[in-house]
Amino acid sequence: MRERKRAREDDWDSGRMGGVPDSDSPTPPFSHAPTLQHVQTPTPPLSHSPTPPLSHSPTLPLSHSSSSFTRVTVLGIKVDNASEDEAFSLIDAWIDGAAPTYMAVVNAAKLVSARRDDDLRQALMDADLVTADGMSVVWASRLLRSPLKERVTGIDMFERLIGHAARRGASVYLLGGRDEAVGGIVARFRREYPNLRVAGYRNGYFTGAEAVGVAEQIRRSEAELLFVAMGSPMQEIWIASNLAATGARFALGVGGAFDHLSGLSRRAPRWVQQAGMEWLYRLLSEPRRLWRRYLIGNLLFTWLVAKQLVSRPR
């Protein structure tokens, strides 16, 4: 897969609409701090020796095999019309395959950003499975007369796949977030799933120049499932650019899931999620950080969907 330029820094909070912050990810994934923080599991240990550079011509190409689901185009991105159960079954089959695959989830802000961010748009187009993380995307599909079956979120799929990995003996690697978030979620999963094989984990603070070394660490861990919590667009771009080099069978970007599931932040109550008002819960929780994304971003999303509806052939 062609080498992509490093993801741009978050532009939403500075007033530019060139990037999409993940509302649940308060920390940026690529920090320019001089030291590389590394959190590692006792078994198996990850080497602290300098990692050799990897070739940007991976030996195993990404599969990019289209799923068997029909797809609904929303703002130029094809979203798979799959239920959570159907998506889970497909991923389970992919884990046994030879080629690496990855799933991406989209919401209103991410779809708007993908219109201006070439790297993000390409990463979403190259994903083997794309589902609606936000209810706004499901509502848009209904307005466009191609209704999606349901919302399939990254955090829900993440939790489900962790339990499944523990039962089937598949190894996992967790990448992203702060030390306390990724360390906390590993501790929680080890309590809940004693049989879970955690191949390794580390925070999301590293420079673009260090990304190759991080991919090599994951490859040496021999993890089969990779979960990346960097926020958007960085997690999608990093997965698309580095998945083949990591050797993982499947990858999923999970946004702020590490913070939520480790207890560092709270997710909206279930009834709020089911009502499609999780965005409002987040906005009320962090109005200064998220007002631009949800008030301006959602209005822009609504206008673009209306424009797509009007331009559809009769």
C-alpha atoms as a PDB file:
ATOM      1  CA  MET A   1       0.000   0.000   0.000  1.00  0.00           C
ATOM      2  CA  ARG A   2       1.341   3.444  -0.814  1.00  0.00           C
ATOM      3  CA  GLU A   3       2.970   5.430   1.934  1.00  0.00           C
ATOM      4  CA  ARG A   4       0.788   8.207   3.224  1.00  0.00           C
ATOM      5  CA  LYS A   5       1.903  11.493   4.686  1.00  0.00           C
ATOM      6  CA  ARG A   6       1.530  11.805   8.432  1.00  0.00           C
ATOM      7  CA  ALA A   7      -1.905  12.856   9.660  1.00  0.00           C
ATOM      8  CA  ARG A   8      -2.484  16.517  10.181  1.00  0.00           C
ATOM      9  CA  GLU A   9      -3.008  17.866  13.669  1.00  0.00           C
ATOM     10  CA  ASP A  10      -6.562  18.384  14.920  1.00  0.00           C
ATOM     11  CA  ASP A  11      -7.949  21.516  13.271  1.00  0.00           C
ATOM     12  CA  TRP A  12     -11.483  21.540  14.579  1.00  0.00           C
ATOM     13  CA  ASP A  13     -10.831  23.195  17.894  1.00  0.00           C
ATOM     14  CA  SER A  14      -8.722  25.900  16.212  1.00  0.00           C
ATOM     15  CA  GLY A  15     -11.602  26.849  13.941  1.00  0.00           C
ATOM     16  CA  ARG A  16     -10.494  25.036  10.788  1.00  0.00           C
ATOM     17  CA  MET A  17     -12.504  22.118   9.492  1.00  0.00           C
ATOM     18  CA  GLY A  18      -9.617  20.095   8.065  1.00  0.00           C
ATOM     19  CA  GLY A  19      -9.670  17.360  10.693  1.00  0.00           C
ATOM     20  CA  VAL A  20     -12.063  15.565  12.998  1.00  0.00           C
ATOM     21  CA  PRO A  21     -11.246  15.170  16.661  1.00  0.00           C
ATOM     22  CA  ASP A  22     -12.688  12.102  18.283  1.00  0.00           C
ATOM     23  CA  SER A  23     -15.048  13.471  20.893  1.00  0.00           C
ATOM     24  CA  ASP A  24     -14.020  10.786  23.331  1.00  0.00           C
ATOM     25  CA  SER A  25     -10.291  11.231  22.848  1.00  0.00           C
ATOM     26  CA  PRO A  26      -9.067  14.211  24.874  1.00  0.00           C
ATOM     27  CA  THR A  27      -5.431  13.578  24.022  1.00  0.00           C
ATOM     28  CA  PRO A  28      -3.784  13.652  20.586  1.00  0.00           C
ATOM     29  CA  PRO A  29      -2.220  10.401  19.437  1.00  0.00           C
ATOM     30  CA  PHE A  30       1.034  11.820  18.106  1.00  0.00           C
ATOM     31  CA  SER A  31       2.884  13.842  20.689  1.00  0.00           C
ATOM     32  CA  HIS A  32       6.115  15.627  19.949  1.00  0.00           C
ATOM     33  CA  ALA A  33       7.405  15.014  23.468  1.00  0.00           C
ATOM     34  CA  PRO A  34      11.085  14.031  23.411  1.00  0.00           C
ATOM     35  CA  THR A  35      10.608  10.688  25.145  1.00  0.00           C
ATOM     36  CA  LEU A  36       8.736   7.635  24.006  1.00  0.00           C
ATOM     37  CA  GLN A  37       6.604   6.198  26.771  1.00  0.00           C
ATOM     38  CA  HIS A  38       6.183   2.470  26.592  1.00  0.00           C
ATOM     39  CA  VAL A  39       3.824   0.281  28.591  1.00  0.00           C
ATOM     40  CA  GLN A  40       4.410  -3.382  28.186  1.00  0.00           C
ATOM     41  CA  THR A  41       2.930  -6.592  29.473  1.00  0.00           C
ATOM     42  CA  PRO A  42       4.988  -8.957  31.596  1.00  0.00           C
ATOM     43  CA  THR A  43       4.402 -11.865  29.227  1.00  0.00           C
ATOM     44  CA  PRO A  44       5.637 -11.892  26.563  1.00  0.00           C
ATOM     45  CA  PRO A  45       8.099  -9.024  27.121  1.00  0.00           C
ATOM     46  CA  LEU A  46       8.628  -6.602  24.304  1.00  0.00           C
ATOM     47  CA  SER A  47      12.226  -5.800  23.497  1.00  0.00           C
ATOM     48  CA  HIS A  48      13.509  -2.351  24.353  1.00  0.00           C
ATOM     49  CA  SER A  49      16.271  -2.594  21.794  1.00  0.00           C
ATOM     50  CA  PRO A  50      16.132  -0.123  18.912  1.00  0.00           C
ATOM     51  CA  THR A  51      13.801  -1.307  16.204  1.00  0.00           C
ATOM     52  CA  PRO A  52      15.123  -1.581  12.679  1.00  0.00           C
ATOM     53  CA  PRO A  53      13.284   0.421  10.059  1.00  0.00           C
ATOM     54  CA  LEU A  54      10.650  -1.429   8.098  1.00  0.00           C
ATOM     55  CA  SER A  55      10.268  -1.313   4.395  1.00  0.00           C
ATOM     56  CA  HIS A  56       7.203   0.539   3.255  1.00  0.00           C
ATOM     57  CA  SER A  57       6.473  -2.310   0.850  1.00  0.00           C
ATOM     58  CA  PRO A  58       4.726  -4.793   3.158  1.00  0.00           C
ATOM     59  CA  THR A  59       4.959  -8.449   2.254  1.00  0.00           C
ATOM     60  CA  LEU A  60       1.271  -9.028   2.808  1.00  0.00           C
ATOM     61  CA  PRO A  61      -1.007  -6.563   1.040  1.00  0.00           C
ATOM     62  CA  LEU A  62      -4.205  -5.431   2.672  1.00  0.00           C
ATOM     63  CA  SER A  63      -7.077  -7.483   1.375  1.00  0.00           C
ATOM     64  CA  HIS A  64      -9.550  -4.664   0.612  1.00  0.00           C
ATOM     65  CA  SER A  65     -11.982  -7.455  -0.157  1.00  0.00           C
ATOM     66  CA  SER A  66     -15.436  -5.992  -0.350  1.00  0.00           C
ATOM     67  CA  SER A  67     -17.849  -7.364   2.189  1.00  0.00           C
ATOM     68  CA  SER A  68     -20.924  -9.277   1.135  1.00  0.00           C
ATOM     69  CA  PHE A  69     -23.213  -6.529   2.408  1.00  0.00           C
ATOM     70  CA  THR A  70     -24.957  -3.956   0.299  1.00  0.00           C
ATOM     71  CA  ARG A  71     -23.511  -0.498   0.770  1.00  0.00           C
ATOM     72  CA  VAL A  72     -25.163   2.859   1.272  1.00  0.00           C
ATOM     73  CA  THR A  73     -23.282   5.923   0.051  1.00  0.00           C
ATOM     74  CA  VAL A  74     -23.394   8.837   2.495  1.00  0.00           C
ATOM     75  CA  LEU A  75     -21.391  11.935   1.490  1.00  0.00           C
ATOM     76  CA  GLY A  76     -19.260   9.885  -0.865  1.00  0.00           C
ATOM     77  CA  ILE A  77     -18.350   7.125   1.627  1.00  0.00           C
ATOM     78  CA  LYS A  78     -19.813   3.648   1.232  1.00  0.00           C
ATOM     79  CA  VAL A  79     -21.245   2.352   4.523  1.00  0.00           C
ATOM     80  CA  ASP A  80     -21.964  -1.359   4.904  1.00  0.00           C
ATOM     81  CA  ASN A  81     -25.587  -2.207   5.633  1.00  0.00           C
ATOM     82  CA  ALA A  82     -24.838  -4.784   8.311  1.00  0.00           C
ATOM     83  CA  SER A  83     -26.186  -5.512  11.759  1.00  0.00           C
ATOM     84  CA  GLU A  84     -23.736  -5.850  14.638  1.00  0.00           C
ATOM     85  CA  ASP A  85     -24.178  -9.632  14.600  1.00  0.00           C
ATOM     86  CA  GLU A  86     -23.483  -9.793  10.864  1.00  0.00           C
ATOM     87  CA  ALA A  87     -20.401  -7.592  11.150  1.00  0.00           C
ATOM     88  CA  PHE A  88     -19.119  -9.656  14.065  1.00  0.00           C
ATOM     89  CA  SER A  89     -19.508 -12.922  12.140  1.00  0.00           C
ATOM     90  CA  LEU A  90     -17.606 -11.494   9.180  1.00  0.00           C
ATOM     91  CA  ILE A  91     -14.755 -10.287  11.391  1.00  0.00           C
ATOM     92  CA  ASP A  92     -14.551 -13.693  13.064  1.00  0.00           C
ATOM     93  CA  ALA A  93     -14.048 -15.272   9.655  1.00  0.00           C
ATOM     94  CA  TRP A  94     -11.420 -12.664   8.725  1.00  0.00           C
ATOM     95  CA  ILE A  95      -9.359 -13.469  11.826  1.00  0.00           C
ATOM     96  CA  ASP A  96      -8.740 -16.930  10.384  1.00  0.00           C
ATOM     97  CA  GLY A  97      -7.659 -15.498   7.034  1.00  0.00           C
ATOM     98  CA  ALA A  98      -4.183 -14.765   5.718  1.00  0.00           C
ATOM     99  CA  ALA A  99      -4.552 -11.143   4.596  1.00  0.00           C
ATOM    100  CA  PRO A 100      -4.907  -8.287   7.109  1.00  0.00           C
ATOM    101  CA  THR A 101      -8.283  -6.551   7.237  1.00  0.00           C
ATOM    102  CA  TYR A 102      -9.641  -3.551   9.080  1.00  0.00           C
ATOM    103  CA  MET A 103     -12.945  -2.024  10.066  1.00  0.00           C
ATOM    104  CA  ALA A 104     -13.703   1.690  10.269  1.00  0.00           C
ATOM    105  CA  VAL A 105     -16.663   3.421  11.846  1.00  0.00           C
ATOM    106  CA  VAL A 106     -18.092   6.771  10.748  1.00  0.00           C
ATOM    107  CA  ASN A 107     -20.156   9.528  12.258  1.00  0.00           C
ATOM    108  CA  ALA A 108     -21.325  12.883  10.954  1.00  0.00           C
ATOM    109  CA  ALA A 109     -18.106  14.744  11.786  1.00  0.00           C
ATOM    110  CA  LYS A 110     -15.887  12.099  10.228  1.00  0.00           C
ATOM    111  CA  LEU A 111     -17.880  12.043   6.992  1.00  0.00           C
ATOM    112  CA  VAL A 112     -17.709  15.836   6.737  1.00  0.00           C
ATOM    113  CA  SER A 113     -13.963  15.817   7.372  1.00  0.00           C
ATOM    114  CA  ALA A 114     -13.394  13.075   4.794  1.00  0.00           C
ATOM    115  CA  ARG A 115     -14.596  15.473   2.098  1.00  0.00           C
ATOM    116  CA  ARG A 116     -11.579  17.706   2.789  1.00  0.00           C
ATOM    117  CA  ASP A 117      -9.005  15.243   4.081  1.00  0.00           C
ATOM    118  CA  ASP A 118      -7.703  13.075   1.242  1.00  0.00           C
ATOM    119  CA  ASP A 119      -5.854  10.692   3.553  1.00  0.00           C
ATOM    120  CA  LEU A 120      -8.872  10.082   5.755  1.00  0.00           C
ATOM    121  CA  ARG A 121     -11.155   9.611   2.774  1.00  0.00           C
ATOM    122  CA  GLN A 122      -8.783   7.083   1.217  1.00  0.00           C
ATOM    123  CA  ALA A 123      -8.439   5.194   4.506  1.00  0.00           C
ATOM    124  CA  LEU A 124     -12.225   4.919   4.756  1.00  0.00           C
ATOM    125  CA  MET A 125     -12.554   3.859   1.130  1.00  0.00           C
ATOM    126  CA  ASP A 126      -9.867   1.193   1.609  1.00  0.00           C
ATOM    127  CA  ALA A 127     -11.438  -0.238   4.774  1.00  0.00           C
ATOM    128  CA  ASP A 128     -12.814  -3.765   4.448  1.00  0.00           C
ATOM    129  CA  LEU A 129     -15.840  -2.903   6.567  1.00  0.00           C
ATOM    130  CA  VAL A 130     -17.382   0.503   7.327  1.00  0.00           C
ATOM    131  CA  THR A 131     -20.273   0.883   9.761  1.00  0.00           C
ATOM    132  CA  ALA A 132     -22.320   3.739  11.193  1.00  0.00           C
ATOM    133  CA  ASP A 133     -20.949   4.748  14.576  1.00  0.00           C
ATOM    134  CA  GLY A 134     -23.349   7.664  14.926  1.00  0.00           C
ATOM    135  CA  MET A 135     -27.143   7.673  14.700  1.00  0.00           C
ATOM    136  CA  SER A 136     -26.896  10.720  12.432  1.00  0.00           C
ATOM    137  CA  VAL A 137     -25.516   8.430   9.710  1.00  0.00           C
ATOM    138  CA  VAL A 138     -28.400   5.989  10.187  1.00  0.00           C
ATOM    139  CA  TRP A 139     -30.929   8.834  10.003  1.00  0.00           C
ATOM    140  CA  ALA A 140     -29.217  10.165   6.873  1.00  0.00           C
ATOM    141  CA  SER A 141     -29.473   6.750   5.208  1.00  0.00           C
ATOM    142  CA  ARG A 142     -33.211   6.718   5.888  1.00  0.00           C
ATOM    143  CA  LEU A 143     -33.589  10.184   4.428  1.00  0.00           C
ATOM    144  CA  LEU A 144     -31.697   8.965   1.356  1.00  0.00           C
ATOM    145  CA  ARG A 145     -34.173   6.068   1.067  1.00  0.00           C
ATOM    146  CA  SER A 146     -31.484   3.428   1.644  1.00  0.00           C
ATOM    147  CA  PRO A 147     -31.914   2.718   5.347  1.00  0.00           C
ATOM    148  CA  LEU A 148     -29.101   1.083   7.277  1.00  0.00           C
ATOM    149  CA  LYS A 149     -30.136  -1.770   9.551  1.00  0.00           C
ATOM    150  CA  GLU A 150     -28.680  -0.291  12.702  1.00  0.00           C
ATOM    151  CA  ARG A 151     -25.866   1.591  14.334  1.00  0.00           C
ATOM    152  CA  VAL A 152     -22.722  -0.535  14.806  1.00  0.00           C
ATOM    153  CA  THR A 153     -20.335   1.360  17.055  1.00  0.00           C
ATOM    154  CA  GLY A 154     -16.600   0.913  17.442  1.00  0.00           C
ATOM    155  CA  ILE A 155     -16.707   0.697  21.236  1.00  0.00           C
ATOM    156  CA  ASP A 156     -19.445  -1.968  21.253  1.00  0.00           C
ATOM    157  CA  MET A 157     -17.627  -4.063  18.661  1.00  0.00           C
ATOM    158  CA  PHE A 158     -14.382  -3.615  20.596  1.00  0.00           C
ATOM    159  CA  GLU A 159     -15.899  -5.002  23.796  1.00  0.00           C
ATOM    160  CA  ARG A 160     -17.493  -7.879  21.942  1.00  0.00           C
ATOM    161  CA  LEU A 161     -14.285  -8.820  20.146  1.00  0.00           C
ATOM    162  CA  ILE A 162     -12.276  -8.756  23.386  1.00  0.00           C
ATOM    163  CA  GLY A 163     -14.620 -11.315  24.933  1.00  0.00           C
ATOM    164  CA  HIS A 164     -14.513 -13.386  21.770  1.00  0.00           C
ATOM    165  CA  ALA A 165     -10.706 -13.263  21.657  1.00  0.00           C
ATOM    166  CA  ALA A 166     -10.558 -14.566  25.228  1.00  0.00           C
ATOM    167  CA  ARG A 167     -12.835 -17.481  24.355  1.00  0.00           C
ATOM    168  CA  ARG A 168     -11.066 -18.476  21.165  1.00  0.00           C
ATOM    169  CA  GLY A 169      -7.531 -17.833  22.399  1.00  0.00           C
ATOM    170  CA  ALA A 170      -6.689 -15.027  19.964  1.00  0.00           C
ATOM    171  CA  SER A 171      -4.042 -12.531  21.102  1.00  0.00           C
ATOM    172  CA  VAL A 172      -4.701  -8.780  21.191  1.00  0.00           C
ATOM    173  CA  TYR A 173      -2.638  -5.585  21.179  1.00  0.00           C
ATOM    174  CA  LEU A 174      -3.968  -2.271  22.495  1.00  0.00           C
ATOM    175  CA  LEU A 175      -2.436   0.926  21.106  1.00  0.00           C
ATOM    176  CA  GLY A 176      -3.330   4.481  22.058  1.00  0.00           C
ATOM    177  CA  GLY A 177      -4.542   6.794  24.780  1.00  0.00           C
ATOM    178  CA  ARG A 178      -2.687   7.839  27.896  1.00  0.00           C
ATOM    179  CA  ASP A 179      -0.735   5.441  30.092  1.00  0.00           C
ATOM    180  CA  GLU A 180      -3.447   5.408  32.724  1.00  0.00           C
ATOM    181  CA  ALA A 181      -6.127   4.693  30.130  1.00  0.00           C
ATOM    182  CA  VAL A 182      -4.451   1.838  28.271  1.00  0.00           C
ATOM    183  CA  GLY A 183      -3.002   0.396  31.476  1.00  0.00           C
ATOM    184  CA  GLY A 184      -6.381   0.649  33.186  1.00  0.00           C
ATOM    185  CA  ILE A 185      -8.260  -1.099  30.430  1.00  0.00           C
ATOM    186  CA  VAL A 186      -5.716  -3.930  30.274  1.00  0.00           C
ATOM    187  CA  ALA A 187      -6.095  -4.424  34.044  1.00  0.00           C
ATOM    188  CA  ARG A 188      -9.877  -4.483  33.690  1.00  0.00           C
ATOM    189  CA  PHE A 189      -9.861  -6.963  30.833  1.00  0.00           C
ATOM    190  CA  ARG A 190      -7.493  -9.256  32.712  1.00  0.00           C
ATOM    191  CA  ARG A 191      -9.904  -9.283  35.649  1.00  0.00           C
ATOM    192  CA  GLU A 192     -12.939  -9.924  33.474  1.00  0.00           C
ATOM    193  CA  TYR A 193     -11.257 -12.333  31.043  1.00  0.00           C
ATOM    194  CA  PRO A 194      -8.501 -14.290  32.810  1.00  0.00           C
ATOM    195  CA  ASN A 195      -7.841 -16.274  29.623  1.00  0.00           C
ATOM    196  CA  LEU A 196      -7.348 -13.192  27.446  1.00  0.00           C
ATOM    197  CA  ARG A 197      -3.950 -13.191  25.736  1.00  0.00           C
ATOM    198  CA  VAL A 198      -2.671  -9.614  25.799  1.00  0.00           C
ATOM    199  CA  ALA A 199       0.293  -9.660  23.435  1.00  0.00           C
ATOM    200  CA  GLY A 200       1.215  -6.083  24.301  1.00  0.00           C
ATOM    201  CA  TYR A 201       0.022  -2.528  24.818  1.00  0.00           C
ATOM    202  CA  ARG A 202       1.365   1.013  24.792  1.00  0.00           C
ATOM    203  CA  ASN A 203       0.188   4.605  24.889  1.00  0.00           C
ATOM    204  CA  GLY A 204      -0.501   6.669  21.793  1.00  0.00           C
ATOM    205  CA  TYR A 205       2.234   9.246  22.308  1.00  0.00           C
ATOM    206  CA  PHE A 206       4.832   8.899  19.597  1.00  0.00           C
ATOM    207  CA  THR A 207       6.009  10.921  16.653  1.00  0.00           C
ATOM    208  CA  GLY A 208       5.433  10.102  13.026  1.00  0.00           C
ATOM    209  CA  ALA A 209       9.088   9.111  12.738  1.00  0.00           C
ATOM    210  CA  GLU A 210       8.570   6.537  15.494  1.00  0.00           C
ATOM    211  CA  ALA A 211       5.492   4.958  13.876  1.00  0.00           C
ATOM    212  CA  VAL A 212       7.583   2.391  12.020  1.00  0.00           C
ATOM    213  CA  GLY A 213       9.154   1.238  15.275  1.00  0.00           C
ATOM    214  CA  VAL A 214       5.730   0.945  16.912  1.00  0.00           C
ATOM    215  CA  ALA A 215       4.519  -1.235  14.048  1.00  0.00           C
ATOM    216  CA  GLU A 216       7.599  -3.418  14.483  1.00  0.00           C
ATOM    217  CA  GLN A 217       6.877  -3.819  18.206  1.00  0.00           C
ATOM    218  CA  ILE A 218       3.383  -5.009  17.371  1.00  0.00           C
ATOM    219  CA  ARG A 219       4.735  -7.407  14.751  1.00  0.00           C
ATOM    220  CA  ARG A 220       7.138  -8.930  17.261  1.00  0.00           C
ATOM    221  CA  SER A 221       4.310  -9.386  19.763  1.00  0.00           C
ATOM    222  CA  GLU A 222       2.523 -11.640  17.204  1.00  0.00           C
ATOM    223  CA  ALA A 223      -0.842 -10.080  18.066  1.00  0.00           C
ATOM    224  CA  GLU A 224      -3.762 -11.223  15.946  1.00  0.00           C
ATOM    225  CA  LEU A 225      -6.190  -8.396  16.784  1.00  0.00           C
ATOM    226  CA  LEU A 226      -5.117  -4.763  16.978  1.00  0.00           C
ATOM    227  CA  PHE A 227      -7.215  -2.024  18.596  1.00  0.00           C
ATOM    228  CA  VAL A 228      -6.114   1.580  18.036  1.00  0.00           C
ATOM    229  CA  ALA A 229      -7.418   4.446  20.187  1.00  0.00           C
ATOM    230  CA  MET A 230      -5.954   7.577  18.634  1.00  0.00           C
ATOM    231  CA  GLY A 231      -9.009   9.533  17.621  1.00  0.00           C
ATOM    232  CA  SER A 232      -9.902  10.479  14.077  1.00  0.00           C
ATOM    233  CA  PRO A 233      -8.427  10.971  11.524  1.00  0.00           C
ATOM    234  CA  MET A 234      -5.136   9.723  12.929  1.00  0.00           C
ATOM    235  CA  GLN A 235      -6.254   6.246  13.904  1.00  0.00           C
ATOM    236  CA  GLU A 236      -7.760   5.487  10.496  1.00  0.00           C
ATOM    237  CA  ILE A 237      -4.738   6.816   8.631  1.00  0.00           C
ATOM    238  CA  TRP A 238      -2.276   5.007  10.909  1.00  0.00           C
ATOM    239  CA  ILE A 239      -4.097   1.686  10.519  1.00  0.00           C
ATOM    240  CA  ALA A 240      -4.343   2.012   6.742  1.00  0.00           C
ATOM    241  CA  SER A 241      -0.659   2.882   6.477  1.00  0.00           C
ATOM    242  CA  ASN A 242       0.801   0.425   9.000  1.00  0.00           C
ATOM    243  CA  LEU A 243      -1.524  -2.565   9.402  1.00  0.00           C
ATOM    244  CA  ALA A 244       0.318  -4.829   6.987  1.00  0.00           C
ATOM    245  CA  ALA A 245       3.619  -4.104   8.741  1.00  0.00           C
ATOM    246  CA  THR A 246       2.171  -5.031  12.162  1.00  0.00           C
ATOM    247  CA  GLY A 247       1.313  -8.587  11.116  1.00  0.00           C
ATOM    248  CA  ALA A 248      -2.101  -8.348  12.805  1.00  0.00           C
ATOM    249  CA  ARG A 249      -4.997 -10.157  11.148  1.00  0.00           C
ATOM    250  CA  PHE A 250      -7.594  -7.510  11.984  1.00  0.00           C
ATOM    251  CA  ALA A 251      -7.584  -3.912  13.226  1.00  0.00           C
ATOM    252  CA  LEU A 252     -10.238  -1.533  14.491  1.00  0.00           C
ATOM    253  CA  GLY A 253     -10.028   2.134  15.454  1.00  0.00           C
ATOM    254  CA  VAL A 254     -11.896   2.641  18.731  1.00  0.00           C
ATOM    255  CA  GLY A 255     -11.591   6.373  19.435  1.00  0.00           C
ATOM    256  CA  GLY A 256     -11.994   7.132  23.141  1.00  0.00           C
ATOM    257  CA  ALA A 257     -12.952   3.594  24.167  1.00  0.00           C
ATOM    258  CA  PHE A 258      -9.878   3.179  26.377  1.00  0.00           C
ATOM    259  CA  ASP A 259     -10.889   6.219  28.445  1.00  0.00           C
ATOM    260  CA  HIS A 260     -14.488   5.052  28.764  1.00  0.00           C
ATOM    261  CA  LEU A 261     -13.821   1.426  29.588  1.00  0.00           C
ATOM    262  CA  SER A 262     -10.950   2.170  31.979  1.00  0.00           C
ATOM    263  CA  GLY A 263     -13.232   4.481  33.969  1.00  0.00           C
ATOM    264  CA  LEU A 264     -11.423   7.743  33.178  1.00  0.00           C
ATOM    265  CA  SER A 265     -14.522   9.142  31.494  1.00  0.00           C
ATOM    266  CA  ARG A 266     -18.168   8.210  31.403  1.00  0.00           C
ATOM    267  CA  ARG A 267     -20.162   7.082  28.409  1.00  0.00           C
ATOM    268  CA  ALA A 268     -23.759   8.175  27.983  1.00  0.00           C
ATOM    269  CA  PRO A 269     -26.374   5.958  29.657  1.00  0.00           C
ATOM    270  CA  ARG A 270     -27.757   3.163  27.499  1.00  0.00           C
ATOM    271  CA  TRP A 271     -31.146   4.832  27.049  1.00  0.00           C
ATOM    272  CA  VAL A 272     -29.440   7.989  25.761  1.00  0.00           C
ATOM    273  CA  GLN A 273     -27.427   5.906  23.277  1.00  0.00           C
ATOM    274  CA  GLN A 274     -30.549   4.115  22.075  1.00  0.00           C
ATOM    275  CA  ALA A 275     -32.334   7.420  21.586  1.00  0.00           C
ATOM    276  CA  GLY A 276     -29.507   8.623  19.361  1.00  0.00           C
ATOM    277  CA  MET A 277     -28.674  11.484  21.733  1.00  0.00           C
ATOM    278  CA  GLU A 278     -25.170  10.426  22.760  1.00  0.00           C
ATOM    279  CA  TRP A 279     -23.788  13.452  20.912  1.00  0.00           C
ATOM    280  CA  LEU A 280     -25.899  15.758  23.121  1.00  0.00           C
ATOM    281  CA  TYR A 281     -24.630  14.016  26.252  1.00  0.00           C
ATOM    282  CA  ARG A 282     -21.047  14.568  25.114  1.00  0.00           C
ATOM    283  CA  LEU A 283     -21.734  18.193  24.197  1.00  0.00           C
ATOM    284  CA  LEU A 284     -23.203  18.917  27.631  1.00  0.00           C
ATOM    285  CA  SER A 285     -20.259  17.153  29.267  1.00  0.00           C
ATOM    286  CA  GLU A 286     -17.586  19.136  27.373  1.00  0.00           C
ATOM    287  CA  PRO A 287     -19.265  22.172  25.775  1.00  0.00           C
ATOM    288  CA  ARG A 288     -16.111  24.272  25.332  1.00  0.00           C
ATOM    289  CA  ARG A 289     -14.271  21.532  23.467  1.00  0.00           C
ATOM    290  CA  LEU A 290     -17.134  20.076  21.449  1.00  0.00           C
ATOM    291  CA  TRP A 291     -19.512  22.906  20.612  1.00  0.00           C
ATOM    292  CA  ARG A 292     -17.942  23.564  17.212  1.00  0.00           C
ATOM    293  CA  ARG A 293     -18.003  19.898  16.229  1.00  0.00           C
ATOM    294  CA  TYR A 294     -21.609  19.251  17.152  1.00  0.00           C
ATOM    295  CA  LEU A 295     -23.306  22.570  16.476  1.00  0.00           C
ATOM    296  CA  ILE A 296     -21.460  23.671  13.352  1.00  0.00           C
ATOM    297  CA  GLY A 297     -20.424  20.186  12.186  1.00  0.00           C
ATOM    298  CA  ASN A 298     -23.892  18.694  12.489  1.00  0.00           C
ATOM    299  CA  LEU A 299     -25.446  21.605  10.625  1.00  0.00           C
ATOM    300  CA  LEU A 300     -22.921  21.182   7.823  1.00  0.00           C
ATOM    301  CA  PHE A 301     -23.584  17.431   7.751  1.00  0.00           C
ATOM    302  CA  THR A 302     -27.339  18.045   7.502  1.00  0.00           C
ATOM    303  CA  TRP A 303     -26.854  20.508   4.641  1.00  0.00           C
ATOM    304  CA  LEU A 304     -24.575  18.124   2.737  1.00  0.00           C
ATOM    305  CA  VAL A 305     -27.000  15.216   3.138  1.00  0.00           C
ATOM    306  CA  ALA A 306     -29.849  17.420   1.907  1.00  0.00           C
ATOM    307  CA  LYS A 307     -27.698  18.423  -1.050  1.00  0.00           C
ATOM    308  CA  GLN A 308     -27.034  14.747  -1.822  1.00  0.00           C
ATOM    309  CA  LEU A 309     -30.751  13.994  -1.591  1.00  0.00           C
ATOM    310  CA  VAL A 310     -31.677  16.773  -4.001  1.00  0.00           C
ATOM    311  CA  SER A 311     -28.985  15.754  -6.494  1.00  0.00           C
ATOM    312  CA  ARG A 312     -30.091  12.111  -6.604  1.00  0.00           C
ATOM    313  CA  PRO A 313     -31.492  10.979  -9.945  1.00  0.00           C
ATOM    314  CA  ARG A 314     -35.258  10.800  -9.921  1.00  0.00           C
END
